[in-house]
Amino acid sequence: MRNDRQIVAKAFGLALRQSRENVGLSQEELAHLANVDRTFVSRAERGVCQPALATIIMLAQALQVPASVLVATTEQIIVERNASRERNWL
């Protein structure tokens, strides 16, 4: 079973990808705007790494959304995942 950090990293990755696709940016474009490497964006979206708070803020600014939106979306994905698991278990 994955630990909590892995679940959060995966959920943040989904939130990041959704936000990036919503504004029509490629991973490379987002990386350039956020001043990070394109491979970092790819790894973050796959949940392989967890960005530091400063990086989350830079990504959010590049996406032109508040960092709180990325965090709230991450939380919502986790809540939905947990609800889905409970429904499947019953």
Protein backbone atom coordinates (compact mmCIF):
# COMPACT_ATOMS: atom_id res chain seq x y z
CA MET A 1 0.00 0.00 0.00
CA ARG A 2 1.29 3.42 -0.89
CA ASN A 3 2.05 5.76 1.95
CA ASP A 4 0.38 9.13 2.45
CA ARG A 5 3.22 11.11 0.84
CA GLN A 6 2.93 9.09 -2.35
CA ILE A 7 -0.84 9.61 -2.43
CA VAL A 8 -0.39 13.37 -2.01
CA ALA A 9 2.33 13.47 -4.69
CA LYS A 10 0.12 11.59 -7.15
CA ALA A 11 -2.90 13.80 -6.38
CA PHE A 12 -0.82 16.97 -6.75
CA GLY A 13 0.44 15.66 -10.07
CA LEU A 14 -3.11 15.22 -11.32
CA ALA A 15 -4.05 18.71 -10.09
CA LEU A 16 -1.01 20.19 -11.82
CA ARG A 17 -1.75 18.41 -15.10
CA GLN A 18 -5.42 19.47 -15.02
CA SER A 19 -4.46 23.09 -14.38
CA ARG A 20 -1.81 23.05 -17.11
CA GLU A 21 -4.19 21.54 -19.65
CA ASN A 22 -6.94 24.00 -18.64
CA VAL A 23 -4.75 26.92 -19.68
CA GLY A 24 -3.45 25.14 -22.78
CA LEU A 25 0.23 24.96 -21.89
CA SER A 26 2.65 22.19 -22.76
CA GLN A 27 4.94 20.82 -20.08
CA GLU A 28 7.81 22.64 -21.74
CA GLU A 29 5.93 25.96 -21.78
CA LEU A 30 4.97 25.60 -18.12
CA ALA A 31 8.54 24.72 -17.18
CA HIS A 32 9.85 27.78 -18.98
CA LEU A 33 7.32 30.11 -17.33
CA ALA A 34 7.95 28.62 -13.87
CA ASN A 35 11.73 28.54 -14.34
CA VAL A 36 12.01 24.79 -13.75
CA ASP A 37 13.21 21.97 -15.95
CA ARG A 38 10.65 20.30 -18.25
CA THR A 39 11.56 16.91 -16.79
CA PHE A 40 10.63 18.30 -13.37
CA VAL A 41 7.13 19.14 -14.60
CA SER A 42 6.81 15.63 -16.04
CA ARG A 43 8.00 14.02 -12.81
CA ALA A 44 5.69 16.19 -10.70
CA GLU A 45 2.68 15.36 -12.88
CA ARG A 46 3.43 11.64 -12.54
CA GLY A 47 3.73 11.96 -8.76
CA VAL A 48 7.38 10.92 -8.81
CA CYS A 49 8.47 14.00 -6.87
CA GLN A 50 6.88 16.51 -4.53
CA PRO A 51 7.70 20.13 -5.22
CA ALA A 52 8.69 22.44 -2.39
CA LEU A 53 6.33 25.25 -1.45
CA ALA A 54 8.38 27.83 -3.37
CA THR A 55 8.15 25.69 -6.50
CA ILE A 56 4.41 25.21 -6.08
CA ILE A 57 4.03 28.97 -5.92
CA MET A 58 6.17 29.43 -9.05
CA LEU A 59 4.12 26.80 -10.90
CA ALA A 60 0.86 28.46 -9.80
CA GLN A 61 2.07 31.87 -10.93
CA ALA A 62 3.04 30.42 -14.30
CA LEU A 63 -0.46 28.91 -14.56
CA GLN A 64 -1.97 32.21 -13.43
CA VAL A 65 -3.88 30.58 -10.59
CA PRO A 66 -3.46 30.99 -6.84
CA ALA A 67 -1.33 28.29 -5.23
CA SER A 68 -4.33 27.62 -3.00
CA VAL A 69 -6.21 26.36 -6.08
CA LEU A 70 -3.55 23.72 -6.72
CA VAL A 71 -3.66 22.69 -3.06
CA ALA A 72 -7.47 22.63 -2.92
CA THR A 73 -7.64 20.59 -6.12
CA THR A 74 -5.09 18.17 -4.66
CA GLU A 75 -7.22 17.79 -1.54
CA GLN A 76 -10.37 17.24 -3.61
CA ILE A 77 -8.68 14.49 -5.63
CA ILE A 78 -7.67 12.76 -2.39
CA VAL A 79 -11.20 13.07 -0.96
CA GLU A 80 -12.72 11.66 -4.16
CA ARG A 81 -10.17 8.82 -4.19
CA ASN A 82 -10.99 7.92 -0.58
CA ALA A 83 -14.74 8.06 -1.24
CA SER A 84 -14.32 5.84 -4.27
CA ARG A 85 -12.32 3.31 -2.27
CA GLU A 86 -15.01 3.24 0.44
CA ARG A 87 -17.78 2.69 -2.13
CA ASN A 88 -15.83 -0.15 -3.74
CA TRP A 89 -15.18 -1.75 -0.38
CA LEU A 90 -18.85 -1.80 0.69
